[in-house]
């Protein structure tokens, strides 16, 4: 009996590790009732991503030989799902087609991982202890068992190559998978840090990873999108574990894989945020020269913990999930800001002392107006460094209002050529500060922009923008706006 196929799709999940380590590399890793975990070959070659072989629902294949009655079900290092072999939990079974006849266990759940027959860098072999309990062969003198040889193939998620009954009741399954290639562990716990092309360091990306619940587009959209940062989403109706999924009419698609994660600068520039892309290299491309993918595009916004702005896609199967977050702001920069507010003493120098240095941002502050068609940019005592739209004046500025998306142009509300003034907070000298900037707009030659920072125990947050004739007040709260 020989089964050959090249079209199987892998069903993988990360299961909990239940490994008992024994022996040295090449002597094998002994395991039971878990996922394949990790393995170090006899020459020291590490296999760190074997857990991705373990399936959420079992693999199955029917024998194409004419008249064959059998269906074969298997998994890697874990028990197969229904139907379960009679009396013996197993990682593989031979069953009668169409529910006829019992399922016979091909070995047990106890296994040993060892070197690949062609060499320690070529993949792995998983050998299972024989089924000595029931359905023995050759009049009870031979026990059924199975060996799984998994070749390393970095370009294939999973493919069954053959299933051979090498000798009576002794089965050998050969497959190939990128998960059986040597390499570093796939990151599953957080994004860590990212250094942009201009040297800006994004050191707070772990805070984007949610360990309690995944991010979602909500049920109001036609399709439900679910995602997380550098971590697979919780089990869903999708067959494969993935860091981002799309569900439509009860059909679930994986949009990319943790094993193919790319970190890039934000599309607008290296100081605007980050772009974390998961590629789907295992599905056929929809467009020539392109790879299916999903990109988590997160813009720096000091005023928001997190906000979903839009989800877009194109005909090539590439999705963009656009967000804003304070955790996508650079935690340092390759150069310091041109200036900072420094210290301020209220009451004309006789009252409370403030250290406003940390209110100056390397990436500027930005937010949309209530109508979402106008965006404000500002900083504390420092000129803007953001890449503004081409309609904005190129002159150094402290505060800019960009309404070019609705045909109203871009105005400088705080011109760097005008001196700014730090004042006591409108509610009193112990409540914070406000900074007054002067600018010029087509309708107001003497425009006034006030940045009002109120003392709070939390990090810096945006509150609101209030617009008047020839004046805008931008309200914020911050622990850096508290007196010393």
Protein backbone atom coordinates (compact mmCIF):
# COMPACT_ATOMS: atom_id res chain seq x y z
CA UNK A 1 0.00 0.00 0.00
CA UNK A 2 1.37 3.41 -1.03
CA UNK A 3 -0.34 6.81 -0.80
CA UNK A 4 1.08 9.75 -2.76
CA UNK A 5 -0.26 13.31 -2.86
CA UNK A 6 1.11 16.83 -3.41
CA UNK A 7 -1.92 19.01 -2.83
CA UNK A 8 -2.63 18.78 0.88
CA UNK A 9 -3.06 21.98 2.87
CA UNK A 10 -1.61 22.16 6.32
CA UNK A 11 -3.78 22.71 9.37
CA UNK A 12 -1.52 23.96 12.14
CA UNK A 13 -1.85 25.33 15.63
CA UNK A 14 0.41 26.18 18.50
CA UNK A 15 -0.42 23.73 21.23
CA UNK A 16 0.93 23.74 24.76
CA UNK A 17 4.30 22.19 25.11
CA UNK A 18 4.27 18.89 26.96
CA UNK A 19 7.79 17.64 26.39
CA UNK A 20 9.99 15.46 28.50
CA UNK A 21 13.58 16.09 27.46
CA UNK A 22 15.95 13.18 27.45
CA UNK A 23 19.32 12.38 25.99
CA UNK A 24 21.63 14.60 23.97
CA UNK A 25 21.10 15.97 20.47
CA UNK A 26 20.59 13.07 18.09
CA UNK A 27 19.57 10.87 20.99
CA UNK A 28 16.20 12.53 20.51
CA UNK A 29 13.54 14.37 22.39
CA UNK A 30 10.96 12.14 24.04
CA UNK A 31 7.43 13.50 24.23
CA UNK A 32 3.90 12.51 25.06
CA UNK A 33 0.45 14.15 24.69
CA UNK A 34 1.72 17.53 23.47
CA UNK A 35 3.11 19.40 20.51
CA UNK A 36 6.47 18.76 18.89
CA UNK A 37 8.04 21.83 20.49
CA UNK A 38 11.78 22.13 19.93
CA UNK A 39 14.61 19.75 19.07
CA UNK A 40 18.41 20.03 18.87
CA UNK A 41 20.01 17.68 16.33
CA UNK A 42 23.17 15.67 16.93
CA UNK A 43 25.35 18.38 15.37
CA UNK A 44 23.74 21.14 17.43
CA UNK A 45 21.30 22.31 14.74
CA UNK A 46 18.24 23.83 16.49
CA UNK A 47 14.66 23.20 15.39
CA UNK A 48 12.60 25.79 17.22
CA UNK A 49 9.32 25.92 15.30
CA UNK A 50 8.13 22.31 15.33
CA UNK A 51 5.04 23.23 17.34
CA UNK A 52 3.62 24.68 14.12
CA UNK A 53 3.36 21.15 12.73
CA UNK A 54 0.71 20.19 15.27
CA UNK A 55 -2.73 20.48 13.71
CA UNK A 56 -5.84 22.09 15.11
CA UNK A 57 -7.87 19.44 13.30
CA UNK A 58 -6.24 16.27 12.03
CA UNK A 59 -4.81 15.78 8.57
CA UNK A 60 -6.55 13.10 6.54
CA UNK A 61 -5.97 11.44 3.19
CA UNK A 62 -7.67 8.60 1.35
CA UNK A 63 -5.77 5.97 -0.58
CA UNK A 64 -6.19 6.58 -4.30
CA UNK A 65 -5.63 2.92 -5.18
CA UNK A 66 -8.69 1.50 -6.90
CA UNK A 67 -10.93 -0.40 -4.53
CA UNK A 68 -9.05 0.62 -1.37
CA UNK A 69 -11.37 0.97 1.63
CA UNK A 70 -9.06 3.02 3.86
CA UNK A 71 -8.89 6.57 5.16
CA UNK A 72 -5.72 7.63 6.98
CA UNK A 73 -5.80 10.30 9.69
CA UNK A 74 -2.70 11.75 11.32
CA UNK A 75 -1.22 14.56 13.38
CA UNK A 76 2.23 15.48 14.64
CA UNK A 77 3.07 14.87 18.31
CA UNK A 78 -0.58 15.15 19.32
CA UNK A 79 -3.74 13.08 19.37
CA UNK A 80 -5.87 12.98 16.25
CA UNK A 81 -9.40 14.34 16.38
CA UNK A 82 -12.48 12.22 15.73
CA UNK A 83 -12.84 9.48 14.78
CA UNK A 84 -10.64 8.22 17.59
CA UNK A 85 -9.02 4.78 17.26
CA UNK A 86 -10.76 2.19 19.37
CA UNK A 87 -9.18 1.99 22.80
CA UNK A 88 -5.84 3.60 21.95
CA UNK A 89 -5.17 7.39 21.73
CA UNK A 90 -2.81 7.87 18.81
CA UNK A 91 -1.21 10.40 16.44
CA UNK A 92 -2.23 8.33 13.41
CA UNK A 93 -4.95 5.85 12.46
CA UNK A 94 -6.22 3.73 9.59
CA UNK A 95 -10.02 3.87 9.25
CA UNK A 96 -12.65 2.35 7.02
CA UNK A 97 -13.98 4.74 4.37
CA UNK A 98 -17.43 6.30 4.82
CA UNK A 99 -17.52 5.33 8.48
CA UNK A 100 -17.33 1.63 7.78
CA UNK A 101 -15.15 -0.48 10.05
CA UNK A 102 -13.12 0.55 13.08
CA UNK A 103 -10.22 3.00 13.26
CA UNK A 104 -6.99 1.23 14.06
CA UNK A 105 -4.27 3.12 15.92
CA UNK A 106 -0.92 3.23 14.12
CA UNK A 107 1.21 3.56 17.20
CA UNK A 108 0.54 5.54 20.37
CA UNK A 109 0.99 9.15 21.53
CA UNK A 110 4.47 8.48 22.93
CA UNK A 111 7.13 9.56 20.47
CA UNK A 112 10.82 10.37 19.98
CA UNK A 113 12.17 13.14 17.73
CA UNK A 114 15.49 12.38 16.07
CA UNK A 115 17.80 13.34 13.22
CA UNK A 116 16.53 13.20 9.65
CA UNK A 117 17.75 10.09 7.78
CA UNK A 118 19.59 12.31 5.25
CA UNK A 119 21.36 14.42 7.86
CA UNK A 120 20.77 16.60 10.93
CA UNK A 121 20.16 19.74 8.87
CA UNK A 122 17.60 18.20 6.51
CA UNK A 123 14.61 18.02 8.86
CA UNK A 124 13.43 15.64 11.56
CA UNK A 125 11.97 12.18 12.09
CA UNK A 126 9.26 11.41 14.65
CA UNK A 127 9.02 7.78 15.77
CA UNK A 128 6.00 6.62 17.78
CA UNK A 129 5.85 3.74 20.21
CA UNK A 130 3.94 0.76 18.79
CA UNK A 131 0.33 -0.04 19.51
CA UNK A 132 0.63 -3.21 21.60
CA UNK A 133 -2.93 -3.10 22.90
CA UNK A 134 -5.25 -4.09 20.07
CA UNK A 135 -5.44 -5.00 16.39
CA UNK A 136 -1.99 -6.54 16.28
CA UNK A 137 -0.83 -7.95 12.96
CA UNK A 138 0.45 -11.35 11.84
CA UNK A 139 -1.54 -13.30 14.35
CA UNK A 140 -0.63 -10.96 17.16
CA UNK A 141 3.13 -11.14 16.64
CA UNK A 142 3.54 -7.65 15.10
CA UNK A 143 2.41 -4.31 16.56
CA UNK A 144 1.33 -1.43 14.39
CA UNK A 145 3.53 1.65 14.41
CA UNK A 146 4.31 4.73 12.31
CA UNK A 147 7.31 6.92 11.64
CA UNK A 148 6.96 10.51 10.31
CA UNK A 149 9.84 11.90 8.27
CA UNK A 150 9.46 15.68 7.81
CA UNK A 151 11.77 17.29 5.26
CA UNK A 152 12.79 20.94 5.56
CA UNK A 153 11.30 23.02 2.76
CA UNK A 154 11.25 26.77 3.51
CA UNK A 155 8.81 27.45 0.65
CA UNK A 156 6.07 25.02 1.69
CA UNK A 157 3.79 25.33 4.69
CA UNK A 158 3.00 21.62 4.68
CA UNK A 159 2.78 18.93 2.03
CA UNK A 160 2.30 15.17 2.36
CA UNK A 161 4.68 13.38 0.00
CA UNK A 162 3.92 9.73 0.71
CA UNK A 163 2.51 7.26 3.18
CA UNK A 164 4.05 3.82 2.73
CA UNK A 165 3.49 0.53 4.51
CA UNK A 166 7.19 -0.26 4.42
CA UNK A 167 6.61 -3.70 5.91
CA UNK A 168 3.63 -5.42 7.45
CA UNK A 169 1.91 -2.90 9.75
CA UNK A 170 5.03 -0.70 9.79
CA UNK A 171 4.11 2.68 8.23
CA UNK A 172 6.36 5.53 7.09
CA UNK A 173 4.83 8.96 6.39
CA UNK A 174 7.00 11.47 4.53
CA UNK A 175 6.10 15.16 4.34
CA UNK A 176 7.77 18.54 3.99
CA UNK A 177 7.27 21.83 5.83
CA UNK A 178 8.92 25.15 6.59
CA UNK A 179 8.27 24.39 10.26
CA UNK A 180 10.78 21.53 10.02
CA UNK A 181 13.61 23.86 9.00
CA UNK A 182 16.37 24.92 11.41
CA UNK A 183 16.09 28.46 12.65
CA UNK A 184 15.34 30.95 15.35
CA UNK A 185 12.08 30.74 17.26
CA UNK A 186 9.10 32.45 15.65
CA UNK A 187 8.19 35.50 17.79
CA UNK A 188 4.84 34.94 19.48
CA UNK A 189 4.97 37.08 22.61
CA UNK A 190 5.53 40.64 21.44
CA UNK A 191 7.07 42.83 18.77
CA UNK A 192 9.99 44.10 20.86
CA UNK A 193 11.64 47.16 19.36
CA UNK A 194 12.13 48.52 15.85
CA UNK A 195 14.83 50.88 14.61
CA UNK A 196 13.63 52.99 11.69
CA UNK A 197 15.74 53.85 8.66
CA UNK A 198 16.58 57.29 10.08
CA UNK A 199 17.65 55.81 13.43
CA UNK A 200 14.42 56.53 15.31
CA UNK A 201 13.82 53.82 17.90
CA UNK A 202 10.35 52.41 18.56
CA UNK A 203 10.89 50.81 21.93
CA UNK A 204 7.31 50.44 23.15
CA UNK A 205 5.93 47.98 20.58
CA UNK A 206 5.40 45.20 23.13
CA UNK A 207 2.61 47.35 24.56
CA UNK A 208 0.69 46.86 21.30
CA UNK A 209 0.44 43.11 21.82
CA UNK A 210 -2.81 42.27 23.58
CA UNK A 211 -2.64 39.28 25.94
CA UNK A 212 -6.27 39.49 27.06
CA UNK A 213 -8.27 39.76 23.84
CA UNK A 214 -7.53 40.26 20.17
CA UNK A 215 -8.18 43.42 18.18
CA UNK A 216 -11.30 43.33 16.01
CA UNK A 217 -13.08 45.45 13.42
CA UNK A 218 -16.41 44.85 15.16
CA UNK A 219 -19.54 43.18 13.88
CA UNK A 220 -20.83 46.28 12.09
CA UNK A 221 -18.58 45.70 9.06
CA UNK A 222 -19.50 43.25 6.29
CA UNK A 223 -16.48 41.12 7.16
CA UNK A 224 -15.05 40.57 10.62
CA UNK A 225 -11.33 41.21 10.91
CA UNK A 226 -9.36 39.98 13.91
CA UNK A 227 -5.68 40.62 14.53
CA UNK A 228 -2.91 40.97 17.08
CA UNK A 229 0.66 42.22 17.13
CA UNK A 230 3.38 39.57 16.81
CA UNK A 231 1.04 36.99 18.28
CA UNK A 232 -1.50 34.59 16.78
CA UNK A 233 -5.13 35.39 17.43
CA UNK A 234 -7.25 33.14 19.63
CA UNK A 235 -8.56 29.92 18.01
CA UNK A 236 -11.36 30.64 15.57
CA UNK A 237 -13.19 28.95 12.73
CA UNK A 238 -10.03 29.30 10.63
CA UNK A 239 -8.12 26.06 10.19
CA UNK A 240 -4.70 27.65 10.53
CA UNK A 241 -3.35 29.75 13.38
CA UNK A 242 -2.56 33.25 12.18
CA UNK A 243 -1.93 36.74 13.56
CA UNK A 244 -4.74 38.18 11.42
CA UNK A 245 -7.94 36.66 10.02
CA UNK A 246 -10.95 37.70 7.96
CA UNK A 247 -14.35 36.06 8.44
CA UNK A 248 -17.14 36.56 5.92
CA UNK A 249 -20.35 34.50 5.69
CA UNK A 250 -18.85 32.03 8.19
CA UNK A 251 -15.80 31.50 5.97
CA UNK A 252 -12.53 32.30 7.73
CA UNK A 253 -9.30 33.18 5.89
CA UNK A 254 -5.79 33.53 7.29
CA UNK A 255 -4.27 36.80 6.08
CA UNK A 256 -0.64 36.04 6.92
CA UNK A 257 1.68 34.10 9.19
CA UNK A 258 3.86 34.90 12.20
CA UNK A 259 6.74 33.03 10.56
CA UNK A 260 6.84 35.69 7.83
CA UNK A 261 6.70 38.95 9.78
CA UNK A 262 8.30 42.09 8.35
CA UNK A 263 8.98 45.38 10.17
CA UNK A 264 9.05 48.55 8.08
CA UNK A 265 8.85 52.32 8.41
CA UNK A 266 5.42 53.91 8.32
CA UNK A 267 4.39 54.63 4.68
CA UNK A 268 4.58 58.39 5.38
CA UNK A 269 8.11 58.22 6.75
CA UNK A 270 10.28 56.76 9.52
CA UNK A 271 9.08 59.17 12.22
CA UNK A 272 5.36 58.67 11.60
CA UNK A 273 5.01 55.23 13.17
CA UNK A 274 5.54 51.60 12.19
CA UNK A 275 4.30 49.09 9.63
CA UNK A 276 4.20 45.42 10.71
CA UNK A 277 3.41 43.11 7.79
CA UNK A 278 2.48 39.43 7.88
CA UNK A 279 3.03 37.75 4.52
CA UNK A 280 1.08 34.77 3.19
CA UNK A 281 3.82 33.13 1.14
CA UNK A 282 1.98 29.80 1.00
CA UNK A 283 -1.03 30.92 -1.07
CA UNK A 284 -0.73 31.52 -4.83
CA UNK A 285 -0.26 35.23 -5.67
CA UNK A 286 -3.25 37.01 -7.12
CA UNK A 287 -1.04 39.50 -8.99
CA UNK A 288 2.28 38.93 -10.70
CA UNK A 289 5.23 39.93 -8.54
CA UNK A 290 3.19 40.48 -5.38
CA UNK A 291 2.62 38.48 -2.20
CA UNK A 292 -0.63 38.25 -0.31
CA UNK A 293 -0.24 40.01 3.03
CA UNK A 294 -1.80 42.05 5.80
CA UNK A 295 -0.09 45.18 7.12
CA UNK A 296 -0.74 46.63 10.56
CA UNK A 297 0.01 50.31 9.84
CA UNK A 298 0.16 52.19 13.14
CA UNK A 299 0.67 55.96 13.14
CA UNK A 300 2.14 57.75 16.13
CA UNK A 301 -0.51 59.62 18.08
CA UNK A 302 0.37 60.88 21.55
CA UNK A 303 -3.29 61.49 22.26
CA UNK A 304 -4.51 57.91 21.80
CA UNK A 305 -3.88 54.60 23.48
CA UNK A 306 -5.35 52.93 20.41
CA UNK A 307 -7.77 53.77 17.62
CA UNK A 308 -8.73 51.91 14.43
CA UNK A 309 -9.06 54.35 11.53
CA UNK A 310 -9.68 52.20 8.46
CA UNK A 311 -9.23 48.81 6.77
CA UNK A 312 -8.41 48.74 3.07
CA UNK A 313 -7.60 46.05 0.53
CA UNK A 314 -6.69 45.68 -3.12
CA UNK A 315 -7.22 43.09 -5.83
CA UNK A 316 -3.86 41.47 -5.06
CA UNK A 317 -5.00 40.20 -1.67
CA UNK A 318 -3.08 42.82 0.31
CA UNK A 319 -4.84 44.27 3.36
CA UNK A 320 -3.98 47.40 5.34
CA UNK A 321 -5.33 47.76 8.88
CA UNK A 322 -4.69 51.41 9.74
CA UNK A 323 -4.49 52.49 13.37
CA UNK A 324 -3.14 55.21 15.64
CA UNK A 325 -1.46 54.73 19.02
CA UNK A 326 0.92 56.37 21.45
CA UNK A 327 2.85 53.07 21.47
CA UNK A 328 3.80 53.65 17.83
CA UNK A 329 5.71 56.82 18.70
CA UNK A 330 9.49 56.89 18.64
CA UNK A 331 10.98 56.63 22.10
CA UNK A 332 14.09 58.44 20.96
CA UNK A 333 15.38 60.02 17.77
CA UNK A 334 18.72 60.29 15.98
CA UNK A 335 18.83 63.96 16.93
CA UNK A 336 17.32 65.98 19.76
CA UNK A 337 14.46 68.41 19.19
CA UNK A 338 15.62 71.92 18.25
CA UNK A 339 14.45 73.29 21.57
CA UNK A 340 12.26 72.52 24.55
CA UNK A 341 10.22 74.48 27.02
CA UNK A 342 12.58 73.77 29.90
CA UNK A 343 11.52 75.15 33.28
CA UNK A 344 8.67 77.54 33.90
CA UNK A 345 7.74 79.26 37.18
CA UNK A 346 4.14 80.41 37.49
CA UNK A 347 2.92 83.66 38.98
CA UNK A 348 5.50 85.79 37.17
CA UNK A 349 8.32 83.72 38.65
CA UNK A 350 7.06 83.60 42.23
CA UNK A 351 4.79 80.52 42.24
CA UNK A 352 4.92 76.87 41.15
CA UNK A 353 7.86 75.44 39.20
CA UNK A 354 7.26 73.23 36.14
CA UNK A 355 9.77 71.14 34.20
CA UNK A 356 8.20 71.05 30.73
CA UNK A 357 11.10 69.36 28.93
CA UNK A 358 9.30 66.02 28.49
CA UNK A 359 6.31 67.67 26.84
CA UNK A 360 8.42 68.28 23.75
CA UNK A 361 7.84 65.36 21.36
CA UNK A 362 10.29 63.88 18.86
CA UNK A 363 7.42 62.88 16.57
CA UNK A 364 5.10 65.87 17.08
CA UNK A 365 1.51 65.69 18.29
CA UNK A 366 -1.31 65.26 15.83
CA UNK A 367 -5.05 64.70 15.85
CA UNK A 368 -8.09 65.06 13.63
CA UNK A 369 -10.74 67.70 14.20
CA UNK A 370 -14.30 66.53 15.01
CA UNK A 371 -15.24 66.49 11.32
CA UNK A 372 -12.24 64.18 10.65
CA UNK A 373 -11.36 66.12 7.51
CA UNK A 374 -8.92 68.49 9.23
CA UNK A 375 -5.72 67.49 11.00
CA UNK A 376 -3.78 69.53 13.52
CA UNK A 377 -0.02 69.19 14.16
CA UNK A 378 1.74 70.84 17.08
CA UNK A 379 4.61 70.59 19.51
CA UNK A 380 5.73 72.19 22.76
CA UNK A 381 8.36 74.89 22.27
CA UNK A 382 9.78 73.05 19.26
CA UNK A 383 9.24 73.28 15.52
CA UNK A 384 7.41 70.47 13.74
CA UNK A 385 9.38 67.65 12.17
CA UNK A 386 6.44 65.77 10.60
CA UNK A 387 6.17 65.23 6.86
CA UNK A 388 3.22 67.48 6.04
CA UNK A 389 1.19 67.51 2.85
CA UNK A 390 2.57 69.41 -0.12
CA UNK A 391 -0.09 72.09 0.33
CA UNK A 392 1.42 73.11 3.69
CA UNK A 393 3.95 75.99 3.77
CA UNK A 394 7.55 74.80 4.04
CA UNK A 395 8.42 77.37 6.71
CA UNK A 396 9.33 76.23 10.27
CA UNK A 397 6.15 76.01 12.31
CA UNK A 398 4.89 75.23 15.81
CA UNK A 399 1.24 74.58 14.95
CA UNK A 400 -0.30 73.64 11.59
CA UNK A 401 -3.90 73.06 10.53
CA UNK A 402 -4.18 70.91 7.41
CA UNK A 403 -7.58 70.96 5.68
CA UNK A 404 -6.25 70.28 2.19
CA UNK A 405 -8.29 67.05 1.93
CA UNK A 406 -11.45 69.17 1.72
CA UNK A 407 -9.94 71.91 -0.43
CA UNK A 408 -9.33 74.45 2.33
CA UNK A 409 -5.57 74.38 2.22
CA UNK A 410 -3.02 74.19 5.01
CA UNK A 411 -2.44 77.05 7.46
CA UNK A 412 0.35 77.85 9.90
CA UNK A 413 -1.33 78.68 13.21
CA UNK A 414 1.96 79.01 15.04
CA UNK A 415 4.84 80.49 13.07
CA UNK A 416 8.36 79.78 14.33
CA UNK A 417 9.35 83.33 13.40
CA UNK A 418 7.03 84.57 16.14
CA UNK A 419 8.01 84.21 19.76
CA UNK A 420 5.86 81.83 21.81
CA UNK A 421 4.80 82.59 25.36
CA UNK A 422 4.36 80.15 28.28
CA UNK A 423 1.56 81.20 30.64
CA UNK A 424 -0.20 80.04 33.79
CA UNK A 425 -3.05 77.59 33.25
CA UNK A 426 -6.49 79.28 32.80
CA UNK A 427 -7.74 77.40 35.90
CA UNK A 428 -4.89 78.59 38.09
CA UNK A 429 -1.11 78.44 38.51
CA UNK A 430 -1.20 74.94 40.10
CA UNK A 431 -3.28 73.34 37.32
CA UNK A 432 -0.72 73.32 34.49
CA UNK A 433 0.38 75.68 31.73
CA UNK A 434 -0.57 76.90 28.32
CA UNK A 435 1.59 78.03 25.44
CA UNK A 436 0.46 80.78 23.10
CA UNK A 437 1.64 80.70 19.48
CA UNK A 438 1.00 83.32 16.80
CA UNK A 439 0.42 82.57 13.15
CA UNK A 440 -1.14 83.84 9.95
CA UNK A 441 -4.03 82.42 7.93
CA UNK A 442 -5.70 83.81 4.78
CA UNK A 443 -8.56 85.15 6.93
CA UNK A 444 -6.64 86.07 10.08
CA UNK A 445 -3.31 87.89 9.89
CA UNK A 446 -2.96 87.57 13.69
CA UNK A 447 -4.06 84.03 14.43
CA UNK A 448 -3.66 82.70 17.98
CA UNK A 449 -3.09 79.01 18.80
CA UNK A 450 -3.09 77.99 22.46
CA UNK A 451 -1.82 74.61 23.67
CA UNK A 452 -3.40 74.06 27.10
CA UNK A 453 -1.70 71.32 29.16
CA UNK A 454 -3.51 70.31 32.35
CA UNK A 455 -1.84 68.45 35.21
CA UNK A 456 -2.81 64.74 35.37
CA UNK A 457 -1.27 61.57 36.82
CA UNK A 458 -1.30 59.80 33.43
CA UNK A 459 0.96 60.03 30.41
CA UNK A 460 0.40 62.80 27.87
CA UNK A 461 -3.04 62.59 26.24
CA UNK A 462 -5.00 64.69 23.78
CA UNK A 463 -8.44 65.90 24.97
CA UNK A 464 -10.04 68.13 22.34
CA UNK A 465 -9.68 71.01 19.91
CA UNK A 466 -11.95 74.04 20.21
CA UNK A 467 -11.97 76.48 17.31
CA UNK A 468 -13.00 80.13 17.45
CA UNK A 469 -12.72 82.98 14.98
CA UNK A 470 -8.97 83.49 14.49
CA UNK A 471 -8.14 81.23 17.41
CA UNK A 472 -7.76 77.51 18.24
CA UNK A 473 -7.36 75.98 21.69
CA UNK A 474 -5.83 72.50 21.85
CA UNK A 475 -6.39 70.81 25.22
CA UNK A 476 -4.18 68.07 26.63
CA UNK A 477 -3.47 66.37 29.95
CA UNK A 478 -0.09 65.14 31.15
CA UNK A 479 1.90 64.22 34.23
CA UNK A 480 4.60 66.48 32.79
CA UNK A 481 2.23 69.43 33.16
CA UNK A 482 2.24 69.11 36.95
CA UNK A 483 4.25 71.39 39.24
CA UNK A 484 7.36 69.94 40.84
